[in-house]
Amino acid sequence: EDLEGKTILLGSGSFGAREGEKYLGLFGL
């Protein structure tokens, strides 16, 4: 919940990047 307004690095093309982006959507971010 504290991530709102923060800057994070996901990278690109990797499993972690795809999964991280998915989680942001799932958790309303």
mmCIF file of all heavy atoms, coordinates in Angstrom:
data_MODEL
# 
_entry.id   MODEL 
# 
loop_
_atom_site.group_PDB 
_atom_site.id 
_atom_site.type_symbol 
_atom_site.label_atom_id 
_atom_site.label_alt_id 
_atom_site.label_comp_id 
_atom_site.label_asym_id 
_atom_site.label_entity_id 
_atom_site.label_seq_id 
_atom_site.pdbx_PDB_ins_code 
_atom_site.Cartn_x 
_atom_site.Cartn_y 
_atom_site.Cartn_z 
_atom_site.occupancy 
_atom_site.B_iso_or_equiv 
_atom_site.pdbx_formal_charge 
_atom_site.auth_seq_id 
_atom_site.auth_comp_id 
_atom_site.auth_asym_id 
_atom_site.auth_atom_id 
_atom_site.pdbx_PDB_model_num 
ATOM 1   N N   . GLU A 1 1  ? 0.828  -1.204  0.000   1.00 0.00 ? 1  GLU A N   1 
ATOM 2   C CA  . GLU A 1 1  ? 0.000  0.000   0.000   1.00 0.00 ? 1  GLU A CA  1 
ATOM 3   C C   . GLU A 1 1  ? 0.866  1.260   0.000   1.00 0.00 ? 1  GLU A C   1 
ATOM 4   O O   . GLU A 1 1  ? 0.469  2.313   -0.523  1.00 0.00 ? 1  GLU A O   1 
ATOM 5   C CB  . GLU A 1 1  ? -0.924 0.007   1.218   1.00 0.00 ? 1  GLU A CB  1 
ATOM 6   C CG  . GLU A 1 1  ? -2.051 -1.005  1.169   1.00 0.00 ? 1  GLU A CG  1 
ATOM 7   C CD  . GLU A 1 1  ? -1.590 -2.444  1.409   1.00 0.00 ? 1  GLU A CD  1 
ATOM 8   O OE1 . GLU A 1 1  ? -0.460 -2.638  1.898   1.00 0.00 ? 1  GLU A OE1 1 
ATOM 9   O OE2 . GLU A 1 1  ? -2.357 -3.370  1.105   1.00 0.00 ? 1  GLU A OE2 1 
ATOM 10  N N   . ASP A 1 2  ? 2.078  1.151   0.551   1.00 0.00 ? 2  ASP A N   1 
ATOM 11  C CA  . ASP A 1 2  ? 2.976  2.307   0.641   1.00 0.00 ? 2  ASP A CA  1 
ATOM 12  C C   . ASP A 1 2  ? 3.680  2.610   -0.678  1.00 0.00 ? 2  ASP A C   1 
ATOM 13  O O   . ASP A 1 2  ? 4.398  3.614   -0.785  1.00 0.00 ? 2  ASP A O   1 
ATOM 14  C CB  . ASP A 1 2  ? 4.044  2.070   1.716   1.00 0.00 ? 2  ASP A CB  1 
ATOM 15  C CG  . ASP A 1 2  ? 3.452  1.868   3.102   1.00 0.00 ? 2  ASP A CG  1 
ATOM 16  O OD1 . ASP A 1 2  ? 2.374  2.427   3.360   1.00 0.00 ? 2  ASP A OD1 1 
ATOM 17  O OD2 . ASP A 1 2  ? 4.074  1.146   3.916   1.00 0.00 ? 2  ASP A OD2 1 
ATOM 18  N N   . LEU A 1 3  ? 3.505  1.753   -1.696  1.00 0.00 ? 3  LEU A N   1 
ATOM 19  C CA  . LEU A 1 3  ? 4.207  1.955   -2.960  1.00 0.00 ? 3  LEU A CA  1 
ATOM 20  C C   . LEU A 1 3  ? 3.647  3.112   -3.788  1.00 0.00 ? 3  LEU A C   1 
ATOM 21  O O   . LEU A 1 3  ? 4.323  3.620   -4.682  1.00 0.00 ? 3  LEU A O   1 
ATOM 22  C CB  . LEU A 1 3  ? 4.137  0.675   -3.810  1.00 0.00 ? 3  LEU A CB  1 
ATOM 23  C CG  . LEU A 1 3  ? 5.068  -0.473  -3.419  1.00 0.00 ? 3  LEU A CG  1 
ATOM 24  C CD1 . LEU A 1 3  ? 4.762  -1.705  -4.266  1.00 0.00 ? 3  LEU A CD1 1 
ATOM 25  C CD2 . LEU A 1 3  ? 6.521  -0.074  -3.592  1.00 0.00 ? 3  LEU A CD2 1 
ATOM 26  N N   . GLU A 1 4  ? 2.440  3.521   -3.489  1.00 0.00 ? 4  GLU A N   1 
ATOM 27  C CA  . GLU A 1 4  ? 1.820  4.596   -4.267  1.00 0.00 ? 4  GLU A CA  1 
ATOM 28  C C   . GLU A 1 4  ? 2.700  5.843   -4.253  1.00 0.00 ? 4  GLU A C   1 
ATOM 29  O O   . GLU A 1 4  ? 3.153  6.302   -3.206  1.00 0.00 ? 4  GLU A O   1 
ATOM 30  C CB  . GLU A 1 4  ? 0.434  4.932   -3.719  1.00 0.00 ? 4  GLU A CB  1 
ATOM 31  C CG  . GLU A 1 4  ? -0.320 5.926   -4.583  1.00 0.00 ? 4  GLU A CG  1 
ATOM 32  C CD  . GLU A 1 4  ? -1.782 6.071   -4.184  1.00 0.00 ? 4  GLU A CD  1 
ATOM 33  O OE1 . GLU A 1 4  ? -2.283 5.236   -3.391  1.00 0.00 ? 4  GLU A OE1 1 
ATOM 34  O OE2 . GLU A 1 4  ? -2.430 7.019   -4.679  1.00 0.00 ? 4  GLU A OE2 1 
ATOM 35  N N   . GLY A 1 5  ? 2.966  6.371   -5.471  1.00 0.00 ? 5  GLY A N   1 
ATOM 36  C CA  . GLY A 1 5  ? 3.781  7.578   -5.593  1.00 0.00 ? 5  GLY A CA  1 
ATOM 37  C C   . GLY A 1 5  ? 5.280  7.320   -5.621  1.00 0.00 ? 5  GLY A C   1 
ATOM 38  O O   . GLY A 1 5  ? 6.059  8.263   -5.793  1.00 0.00 ? 5  GLY A O   1 
ATOM 39  N N   . LYS A 1 6  ? 5.698  6.088   -5.496  1.00 0.00 ? 6  LYS A N   1 
ATOM 40  C CA  . LYS A 1 6  ? 7.122  5.750   -5.479  1.00 0.00 ? 6  LYS A CA  1 
ATOM 41  C C   . LYS A 1 6  ? 7.611  5.388   -6.885  1.00 0.00 ? 6  LYS A C   1 
ATOM 42  O O   . LYS A 1 6  ? 6.815  5.120   -7.786  1.00 0.00 ? 6  LYS A O   1 
ATOM 43  C CB  . LYS A 1 6  ? 7.397  4.585   -4.529  1.00 0.00 ? 6  LYS A CB  1 
ATOM 44  C CG  . LYS A 1 6  ? 6.932  4.838   -3.093  1.00 0.00 ? 6  LYS A CG  1 
ATOM 45  C CD  . LYS A 1 6  ? 7.657  6.019   -2.472  1.00 0.00 ? 6  LYS A CD  1 
ATOM 46  C CE  . LYS A 1 6  ? 7.242  6.223   -1.015  1.00 0.00 ? 6  LYS A CE  1 
ATOM 47  N NZ  . LYS A 1 6  ? 7.903  7.394   -0.406  1.00 0.00 ? 6  LYS A NZ  1 
ATOM 48  N N   . THR A 1 7  ? 8.924  5.379   -7.040  1.00 0.00 ? 7  THR A N   1 
ATOM 49  C CA  . THR A 1 7  ? 9.547  5.014   -8.312  1.00 0.00 ? 7  THR A CA  1 
ATOM 50  C C   . THR A 1 7  ? 10.259 3.679   -8.141  1.00 0.00 ? 7  THR A C   1 
ATOM 51  O O   . THR A 1 7  ? 11.118 3.530   -7.270  1.00 0.00 ? 7  THR A O   1 
ATOM 52  C CB  . THR A 1 7  ? 10.576 6.077   -8.746  1.00 0.00 ? 7  THR A CB  1 
ATOM 53  O OG1 . THR A 1 7  ? 9.914  7.331   -8.928  1.00 0.00 ? 7  THR A OG1 1 
ATOM 54  C CG2 . THR A 1 7  ? 11.246 5.675   -10.058 1.00 0.00 ? 7  THR A CG2 1 
ATOM 55  N N   . ILE A 1 8  ? 9.883  2.728   -8.975  1.00 0.00 ? 8  ILE A N   1 
ATOM 56  C CA  . ILE A 1 8  ? 10.527 1.420   -8.892  1.00 0.00 ? 8  ILE A CA  1 
ATOM 57  C C   . ILE A 1 8  ? 11.004 0.981   -10.276 1.00 0.00 ? 8  ILE A C   1 
ATOM 58  O O   . ILE A 1 8  ? 10.480 1.420   -11.295 1.00 0.00 ? 8  ILE A O   1 
ATOM 59  C CB  . ILE A 1 8  ? 9.601  0.339   -8.286  1.00 0.00 ? 8  ILE A CB  1 
ATOM 60  C CG1 . ILE A 1 8  ? 8.371  0.111   -9.161  1.00 0.00 ? 8  ILE A CG1 1 
ATOM 61  C CG2 . ILE A 1 8  ? 9.208  0.684   -6.876  1.00 0.00 ? 8  ILE A CG2 1 
ATOM 62  C CD1 . ILE A 1 8  ? 7.534  -1.072  -8.694  1.00 0.00 ? 8  ILE A CD1 1 
ATOM 63  N N   . LEU A 1 9  ? 11.993 0.106   -10.262 1.00 0.00 ? 9  LEU A N   1 
ATOM 64  C CA  . LEU A 1 9  ? 12.580 -0.408  -11.501 1.00 0.00 ? 9  LEU A CA  1 
ATOM 65  C C   . LEU A 1 9  ? 12.158 -1.861  -11.673 1.00 0.00 ? 9  LEU A C   1 
ATOM 66  O O   . LEU A 1 9  ? 12.419 -2.685  -10.803 1.00 0.00 ? 9  LEU A O   1 
ATOM 67  C CB  . LEU A 1 9  ? 14.110 -0.281  -11.429 1.00 0.00 ? 9  LEU A CB  1 
ATOM 68  C CG  . LEU A 1 9  ? 14.912 -0.387  -12.727 1.00 0.00 ? 9  LEU A CG  1 
ATOM 69  C CD1 . LEU A 1 9  ? 16.314 0.173   -12.527 1.00 0.00 ? 9  LEU A CD1 1 
ATOM 70  C CD2 . LEU A 1 9  ? 15.022 -1.821  -13.221 1.00 0.00 ? 9  LEU A CD2 1 
ATOM 71  N N   . LEU A 1 10 ? 11.501 -2.132  -12.798 1.00 0.00 ? 10 LEU A N   1 
ATOM 72  C CA  . LEU A 1 10 ? 11.084 -3.504  -13.090 1.00 0.00 ? 10 LEU A CA  1 
ATOM 73  C C   . LEU A 1 10 ? 12.030 -4.192  -14.067 1.00 0.00 ? 10 LEU A C   1 
ATOM 74  O O   . LEU A 1 10 ? 12.098 -5.423  -14.111 1.00 0.00 ? 10 LEU A O   1 
ATOM 75  C CB  . LEU A 1 10 ? 9.675  -3.528  -13.706 1.00 0.00 ? 10 LEU A CB  1 
ATOM 76  C CG  . LEU A 1 10 ? 8.499  -3.114  -12.832 1.00 0.00 ? 10 LEU A CG  1 
ATOM 77  C CD1 . LEU A 1 10 ? 7.207  -3.213  -13.640 1.00 0.00 ? 10 LEU A CD1 1 
ATOM 78  C CD2 . LEU A 1 10 ? 8.400  -3.979  -11.588 1.00 0.00 ? 10 LEU A CD2 1 
ATOM 79  N N   . GLY A 1 11 ? 12.753 -3.380  -14.873 1.00 0.00 ? 11 GLY A N   1 
ATOM 80  C CA  . GLY A 1 11 ? 13.518 -3.971  -15.956 1.00 0.00 ? 11 GLY A CA  1 
ATOM 81  C C   . GLY A 1 11 ? 12.572 -4.294  -17.098 1.00 0.00 ? 11 GLY A C   1 
ATOM 82  O O   . GLY A 1 11 ? 11.450 -3.781  -17.167 1.00 0.00 ? 11 GLY A O   1 
ATOM 83  N N   . SER A 1 12 ? 13.002 -5.172  -17.985 1.00 0.00 ? 12 SER A N   1 
ATOM 84  C CA  . SER A 1 12 ? 12.134 -5.530  -19.115 1.00 0.00 ? 12 SER A CA  1 
ATOM 85  C C   . SER A 1 12 ? 12.467 -6.929  -19.621 1.00 0.00 ? 12 SER A C   1 
ATOM 86  O O   . SER A 1 12 ? 13.606 -7.376  -19.558 1.00 0.00 ? 12 SER A O   1 
ATOM 87  C CB  . SER A 1 12 ? 12.303 -4.524  -20.260 1.00 0.00 ? 12 SER A CB  1 
ATOM 88  O OG  . SER A 1 12 ? 13.635 -4.531  -20.721 1.00 0.00 ? 12 SER A OG  1 
ATOM 89  N N   . GLY A 1 13 ? 11.420 -7.609  -20.087 1.00 0.00 ? 13 GLY A N   1 
ATOM 90  C CA  . GLY A 1 13 ? 11.613 -8.882  -20.759 1.00 0.00 ? 13 GLY A CA  1 
ATOM 91  C C   . GLY A 1 13 ? 11.785 -10.101 -19.880 1.00 0.00 ? 13 GLY A C   1 
ATOM 92  O O   . GLY A 1 13 ? 11.678 -11.218 -20.352 1.00 0.00 ? 13 GLY A O   1 
ATOM 93  N N   . SER A 1 14 ? 12.026 -9.912  -18.607 1.00 0.00 ? 14 SER A N   1 
ATOM 94  C CA  . SER A 1 14 ? 12.298 -11.044 -17.728 1.00 0.00 ? 14 SER A CA  1 
ATOM 95  C C   . SER A 1 14 ? 11.018 -11.513 -17.042 1.00 0.00 ? 14 SER A C   1 
ATOM 96  O O   . SER A 1 14 ? 9.998  -10.814 -17.029 1.00 0.00 ? 14 SER A O   1 
ATOM 97  C CB  . SER A 1 14 ? 13.323 -10.658 -16.662 1.00 0.00 ? 14 SER A CB  1 
ATOM 98  O OG  . SER A 1 14 ? 12.767 -9.696  -15.776 1.00 0.00 ? 14 SER A OG  1 
ATOM 99  N N   . PHE A 1 15 ? 11.085 -12.702 -16.447 1.00 0.00 ? 15 PHE A N   1 
ATOM 100 C CA  . PHE A 1 15 ? 9.959  -13.198 -15.669 1.00 0.00 ? 15 PHE A CA  1 
ATOM 101 C C   . PHE A 1 15 ? 9.639  -12.239 -14.532 1.00 0.00 ? 15 PHE A C   1 
ATOM 102 O O   . PHE A 1 15 ? 8.473  -11.923 -14.277 1.00 0.00 ? 15 PHE A O   1 
ATOM 103 C CB  . PHE A 1 15 ? 10.284 -14.587 -15.095 1.00 0.00 ? 15 PHE A CB  1 
ATOM 104 C CG  . PHE A 1 15 ? 9.306  -15.057 -14.048 1.00 0.00 ? 15 PHE A CG  1 
ATOM 105 C CD1 . PHE A 1 15 ? 8.070  -15.561 -14.413 1.00 0.00 ? 15 PHE A CD1 1 
ATOM 106 C CD2 . PHE A 1 15 ? 9.627  -14.980 -12.696 1.00 0.00 ? 15 PHE A CD2 1 
ATOM 107 C CE1 . PHE A 1 15 ? 7.159  -15.986 -13.451 1.00 0.00 ? 15 PHE A CE1 1 
ATOM 108 C CE2 . PHE A 1 15 ? 8.726  -15.409 -11.729 1.00 0.00 ? 15 PHE A CE2 1 
ATOM 109 C CZ  . PHE A 1 15 ? 7.494  -15.904 -12.109 1.00 0.00 ? 15 PHE A CZ  1 
ATOM 110 N N   . GLY A 1 16 ? 10.677 -11.747 -13.845 1.00 0.00 ? 16 GLY A N   1 
ATOM 111 C CA  . GLY A 1 16 ? 10.468 -10.834 -12.722 1.00 0.00 ? 16 GLY A CA  1 
ATOM 112 C C   . GLY A 1 16 ? 9.770  -9.553  -13.137 1.00 0.00 ? 16 GLY A C   1 
ATOM 113 O O   . GLY A 1 16 ? 8.909  -9.039  -12.418 1.00 0.00 ? 16 GLY A O   1 
ATOM 114 N N   . ALA A 1 17 ? 10.140 -9.024  -14.308 1.00 0.00 ? 17 ALA A N   1 
ATOM 115 C CA  . ALA A 1 17 ? 9.514  -7.791  -14.796 1.00 0.00 ? 17 ALA A CA  1 
ATOM 116 C C   . ALA A 1 17 ? 8.042  -8.014  -15.111 1.00 0.00 ? 17 ALA A C   1 
ATOM 117 O O   . ALA A 1 17 ? 7.175  -7.216  -14.731 1.00 0.00 ? 17 ALA A O   1 
ATOM 118 C CB  . ALA A 1 17 ? 10.256 -7.284  -16.030 1.00 0.00 ? 17 ALA A CB  1 
ATOM 119 N N   . ARG A 1 18 ? 7.753  -9.111  -15.802 1.00 0.00 ? 18 ARG A N   1 
ATOM 120 C CA  . ARG A 1 18 ? 6.349  -9.413  -16.150 1.00 0.00 ? 18 ARG A CA  1 
ATOM 121 C C   . ARG A 1 18 ? 5.535  -9.684  -14.891 1.00 0.00 ? 18 ARG A C   1 
ATOM 122 O O   . ARG A 1 18 ? 4.395  -9.214  -14.765 1.00 0.00 ? 18 ARG A O   1 
ATOM 123 C CB  . ARG A 1 18 ? 6.288  -10.621 -17.083 1.00 0.00 ? 18 ARG A CB  1 
ATOM 124 C CG  . ARG A 1 18 ? 6.893  -10.383 -18.459 1.00 0.00 ? 18 ARG A CG  1 
ATOM 125 C CD  . ARG A 1 18 ? 6.587  -11.529 -19.407 1.00 0.00 ? 18 ARG A CD  1 
ATOM 126 N NE  . ARG A 1 18 ? 7.145  -12.793 -18.934 1.00 0.00 ? 18 ARG A NE  1 
ATOM 127 C CZ  . ARG A 1 18 ? 8.370  -13.223 -19.209 1.00 0.00 ? 18 ARG A CZ  1 
ATOM 128 N NH1 . ARG A 1 18 ? 9.193  -12.480 -19.930 1.00 0.00 ? 18 ARG A NH1 1 
ATOM 129 N NH2 . ARG A 1 18 ? 8.794  -14.402 -18.745 1.00 0.00 ? 18 ARG A NH2 1 
ATOM 130 N N   . GLU A 1 19 ? 6.117  -10.420 -13.976 1.00 0.00 ? 19 GLU A N   1 
ATOM 131 C CA  . GLU A 1 19 ? 5.397  -10.759 -12.752 1.00 0.00 ? 19 GLU A CA  1 
ATOM 132 C C   . GLU A 1 19 ? 5.196  -9.525  -11.882 1.00 0.00 ? 19 GLU A C   1 
ATOM 133 O O   . GLU A 1 19 ? 4.135  -9.317  -11.289 1.00 0.00 ? 19 GLU A O   1 
ATOM 134 C CB  . GLU A 1 19 ? 6.190  -11.838 -11.990 1.00 0.00 ? 19 GLU A CB  1 
ATOM 135 C CG  . GLU A 1 19 ? 5.392  -12.588 -10.949 1.00 0.00 ? 19 GLU A CG  1 
ATOM 136 C CD  . GLU A 1 19 ? 4.452  -13.630 -11.536 1.00 0.00 ? 19 GLU A CD  1 
ATOM 137 O OE1 . GLU A 1 19 ? 4.287  -13.689 -12.779 1.00 0.00 ? 19 GLU A OE1 1 
ATOM 138 O OE2 . GLU A 1 19 ? 3.874  -14.382 -10.746 1.00 0.00 ? 19 GLU A OE2 1 
ATOM 139 N N   . GLY A 1 20 ? 6.226  -8.672  -11.798 1.00 0.00 ? 20 GLY A N   1 
ATOM 140 C CA  . GLY A 1 20 ? 6.119  -7.446  -11.010 1.00 0.00 ? 20 GLY A CA  1 
ATOM 141 C C   . GLY A 1 20 ? 5.025  -6.537  -11.515 1.00 0.00 ? 20 GLY A C   1 
ATOM 142 O O   . GLY A 1 20 ? 4.235  -5.975  -10.737 1.00 0.00 ? 20 GLY A O   1 
ATOM 143 N N   . GLU A 1 21 ? 4.942  -6.407  -12.838 1.00 0.00 ? 21 GLU A N   1 
ATOM 144 C CA  . GLU A 1 21 ? 3.892  -5.571  -13.436 1.00 0.00 ? 21 GLU A CA  1 
ATOM 145 C C   . GLU A 1 21 ? 2.516  -6.162  -13.145 1.00 0.00 ? 21 GLU A C   1 
ATOM 146 O O   . GLU A 1 21 ? 1.557  -5.432  -12.858 1.00 0.00 ? 21 GLU A O   1 
ATOM 147 C CB  . GLU A 1 21 ? 4.125  -5.465  -14.945 1.00 0.00 ? 21 GLU A CB  1 
ATOM 148 C CG  . GLU A 1 21 ? 3.200  -4.487  -15.644 1.00 0.00 ? 21 GLU A CG  1 
ATOM 149 C CD  . GLU A 1 21 ? 3.578  -4.271  -17.098 1.00 0.00 ? 21 GLU A CD  1 
ATOM 150 O OE1 . GLU A 1 21 ? 4.407  -5.040  -17.630 1.00 0.00 ? 21 GLU A OE1 1 
ATOM 151 O OE2 . GLU A 1 21 ? 3.029  -3.334  -17.713 1.00 0.00 ? 21 GLU A OE2 1 
ATOM 152 N N   . LYS A 1 22 ? 2.426  -7.485  -13.200 1.00 0.00 ? 22 LYS A N   1 
ATOM 153 C CA  . LYS A 1 22 ? 1.152  -8.150  -12.900 1.00 0.00 ? 22 LYS A CA  1 
ATOM 154 C C   . LYS A 1 22 ? 0.713  -7.873  -11.461 1.00 0.00 ? 22 LYS A C   1 
ATOM 155 O O   . LYS A 1 22 ? -0.462 -7.581  -11.200 1.00 0.00 ? 22 LYS A O   1 
ATOM 156 C CB  . LYS A 1 22 ? 1.287  -9.657  -13.123 1.00 0.00 ? 22 LYS A CB  1 
ATOM 157 C CG  . LYS A 1 22 ? -0.001 -10.438 -12.876 1.00 0.00 ? 22 LYS A CG  1 
ATOM 158 C CD  . LYS A 1 22 ? 0.194  -11.922 -13.112 1.00 0.00 ? 22 LYS A CD  1 
ATOM 159 C CE  . LYS A 1 22 ? 0.671  -12.639 -11.864 1.00 0.00 ? 22 LYS A CE  1 
ATOM 160 N NZ  . LYS A 1 22 ? 0.694  -14.118 -12.008 1.00 0.00 ? 22 LYS A NZ  1 
ATOM 161 N N   . TYR A 1 23 ? 1.654  -7.918  -10.537 1.00 0.00 ? 23 TYR A N   1 
ATOM 162 C CA  . TYR A 1 23 ? 1.323  -7.713  -9.125  1.00 0.00 ? 23 TYR A CA  1 
ATOM 163 C C   . TYR A 1 23 ? 0.849  -6.288  -8.869  1.00 0.00 ? 23 TYR A C   1 
ATOM 164 O O   . TYR A 1 23 ? -0.054 -6.062  -8.056  1.00 0.00 ? 23 TYR A O   1 
ATOM 165 C CB  . TYR A 1 23 ? 2.516  -8.028  -8.230  1.00 0.00 ? 23 TYR A CB  1 
ATOM 166 C CG  . TYR A 1 23 ? 2.878  -9.503  -8.156  1.00 0.00 ? 23 TYR A CG  1 
ATOM 167 C CD1 . TYR A 1 23 ? 2.367  -10.426 -9.074  1.00 0.00 ? 23 TYR A CD1 1 
ATOM 168 C CD2 . TYR A 1 23 ? 3.749  -9.980  -7.181  1.00 0.00 ? 23 TYR A CD2 1 
ATOM 169 C CE1 . TYR A 1 23 ? 2.695  -11.752 -9.021  1.00 0.00 ? 23 TYR A CE1 1 
ATOM 170 C CE2 . TYR A 1 23 ? 4.084  -11.326 -7.111  1.00 0.00 ? 23 TYR A CE2 1 
ATOM 171 C CZ  . TYR A 1 23 ? 3.558  -12.211 -8.039  1.00 0.00 ? 23 TYR A CZ  1 
ATOM 172 O OH  . TYR A 1 23 ? 3.888  -13.539 -7.994  1.00 0.00 ? 23 TYR A OH  1 
ATOM 173 N N   . LEU A 1 24 ? 1.460  -5.317  -9.559  1.00 0.00 ? 24 LEU A N   1 
ATOM 174 C CA  . LEU A 1 24 ? 1.024  -3.924  -9.390  1.00 0.00 ? 24 LEU A CA  1 
ATOM 175 C C   . LEU A 1 24 ? -0.440 -3.789  -9.798  1.00 0.00 ? 24 LEU A C   1 
ATOM 176 O O   . LEU A 1 24 ? -1.217 -3.085  -9.133  1.00 0.00 ? 24 LEU A O   1 
ATOM 177 C CB  . LEU A 1 24 ? 1.899  -2.990  -10.225 1.00 0.00 ? 24 LEU A CB  1 
ATOM 178 C CG  . LEU A 1 24 ? 3.370  -2.870  -9.800  1.00 0.00 ? 24 LEU A CG  1 
ATOM 179 C CD1 . LEU A 1 24 ? 4.112  -1.917  -10.731 1.00 0.00 ? 24 LEU A CD1 1 
ATOM 180 C CD2 . LEU A 1 24 ? 3.495  -2.407  -8.354  1.00 0.00 ? 24 LEU A CD2 1 
ATOM 181 N N   . GLY A 1 25 ? -0.812 -4.483  -10.868 1.00 0.00 ? 25 GLY A N   1 
ATOM 182 C CA  . GLY A 1 25 ? -2.211 -4.458  -11.295 1.00 0.00 ? 25 GLY A CA  1 
ATOM 183 C C   . GLY A 1 25 ? -3.119 -5.167  -10.318 1.00 0.00 ? 25 GLY A C   1 
ATOM 184 O O   . GLY A 1 25 ? -4.204 -4.667  -9.972  1.00 0.00 ? 25 GLY A O   1 
ATOM 185 N N   . LEU A 1 26 ? -2.689 -6.334  -9.835  1.00 0.00 ? 26 LEU A N   1 
ATOM 186 C CA  . LEU A 1 26 ? -3.501 -7.113  -8.899  1.00 0.00 ? 26 LEU A CA  1 
ATOM 187 C C   . LEU A 1 26 ? -3.747 -6.373  -7.593  1.00 0.00 ? 26 LEU A C   1 
ATOM 188 O O   . LEU A 1 26 ? -4.809 -6.493  -6.989  1.00 0.00 ? 26 LEU A O   1 
ATOM 189 C CB  . LEU A 1 26 ? -2.801 -8.451  -8.593  1.00 0.00 ? 26 LEU A CB  1 
ATOM 190 C CG  . LEU A 1 26 ? -2.830 -9.530  -9.674  1.00 0.00 ? 26 LEU A CG  1 
ATOM 191 C CD1 . LEU A 1 26 ? -1.960 -10.706 -9.250  1.00 0.00 ? 26 LEU A CD1 1 
ATOM 192 C CD2 . LEU A 1 26 ? -4.269 -10.009 -9.920  1.00 0.00 ? 26 LEU A CD2 1 
ATOM 193 N N   . PHE A 1 27 ? -2.735 -5.599  -7.159  1.00 0.00 ? 27 PHE A N   1 
ATOM 194 C CA  . PHE A 1 27 ? -2.821 -4.954  -5.852  1.00 0.00 ? 27 PHE A CA  1 
ATOM 195 C C   . PHE A 1 27 ? -3.279 -3.502  -5.944  1.00 0.00 ? 27 PHE A C   1 
ATOM 196 O O   . PHE A 1 27 ? -3.104 -2.714  -5.010  1.00 0.00 ? 27 PHE A O   1 
ATOM 197 C CB  . PHE A 1 27 ? -1.466 -5.020  -5.128  1.00 0.00 ? 27 PHE A CB  1 
ATOM 198 C CG  . PHE A 1 27 ? -0.909 -6.429  -4.996  1.00 0.00 ? 27 PHE A CG  1 
ATOM 199 C CD1 . PHE A 1 27 ? 0.448  -6.645  -4.852  1.00 0.00 ? 27 PHE A CD1 1 
ATOM 200 C CD2 . PHE A 1 27 ? -1.758 -7.542  -5.007  1.00 0.00 ? 27 PHE A CD2 1 
ATOM 201 C CE1 . PHE A 1 27 ? 0.957  -7.941  -4.723  1.00 0.00 ? 27 PHE A CE1 1 
ATOM 202 C CE2 . PHE A 1 27 ? -1.260 -8.831  -4.886  1.00 0.00 ? 27 PHE A CE2 1 
ATOM 203 C CZ  . PHE A 1 27 ? 0.110  -9.031  -4.754  1.00 0.00 ? 27 PHE A CZ  1 
ATOM 204 N N   . GLY A 1 28 ? -3.890 -3.133  -7.091  1.00 0.00 ? 28 GLY A N   1 
ATOM 205 C CA  . GLY A 1 28 ? -4.488 -1.804  -7.228  1.00 0.00 ? 28 GLY A CA  1 
ATOM 206 C C   . GLY A 1 28 ? -3.493 -0.673  -7.380  1.00 0.00 ? 28 GLY A C   1 
ATOM 207 O O   . GLY A 1 28 ? -3.800 0.480   -7.062  1.00 0.00 ? 28 GLY A O   1 
ATOM 208 N N   . LEU A 1 29 ? -2.303 -0.956  -7.907  1.00 0.00 ? 29 LEU A N   1 
ATOM 209 C CA  . LEU A 1 29 ? -1.257 0.067   -8.002  1.00 0.00 ? 29 LEU A CA  1 
ATOM 210 C C   . LEU A 1 29 ? -0.943 0.467   -9.439  1.00 0.00 ? 29 LEU A C   1 
ATOM 211 O O   . LEU A 1 29 ? -0.044 1.274   -9.664  1.00 0.00 ? 29 LEU A O   1 
ATOM 212 C CB  . LEU A 1 29 ? 0.015  -0.438  -7.315  1.00 0.00 ? 29 LEU A CB  1 
ATOM 213 C CG  . LEU A 1 29 ? -0.070 -0.550  -5.792  1.00 0.00 ? 29 LEU A CG  1 
ATOM 214 C CD1 . LEU A 1 29 ? 1.040  -1.452  -5.256  1.00 0.00 ? 29 LEU A CD1 1 
ATOM 215 C CD2 . LEU A 1 29 ? 0.006  0.831   -5.152  1.00 0.00 ? 29 LEU A CD2 1 
# 
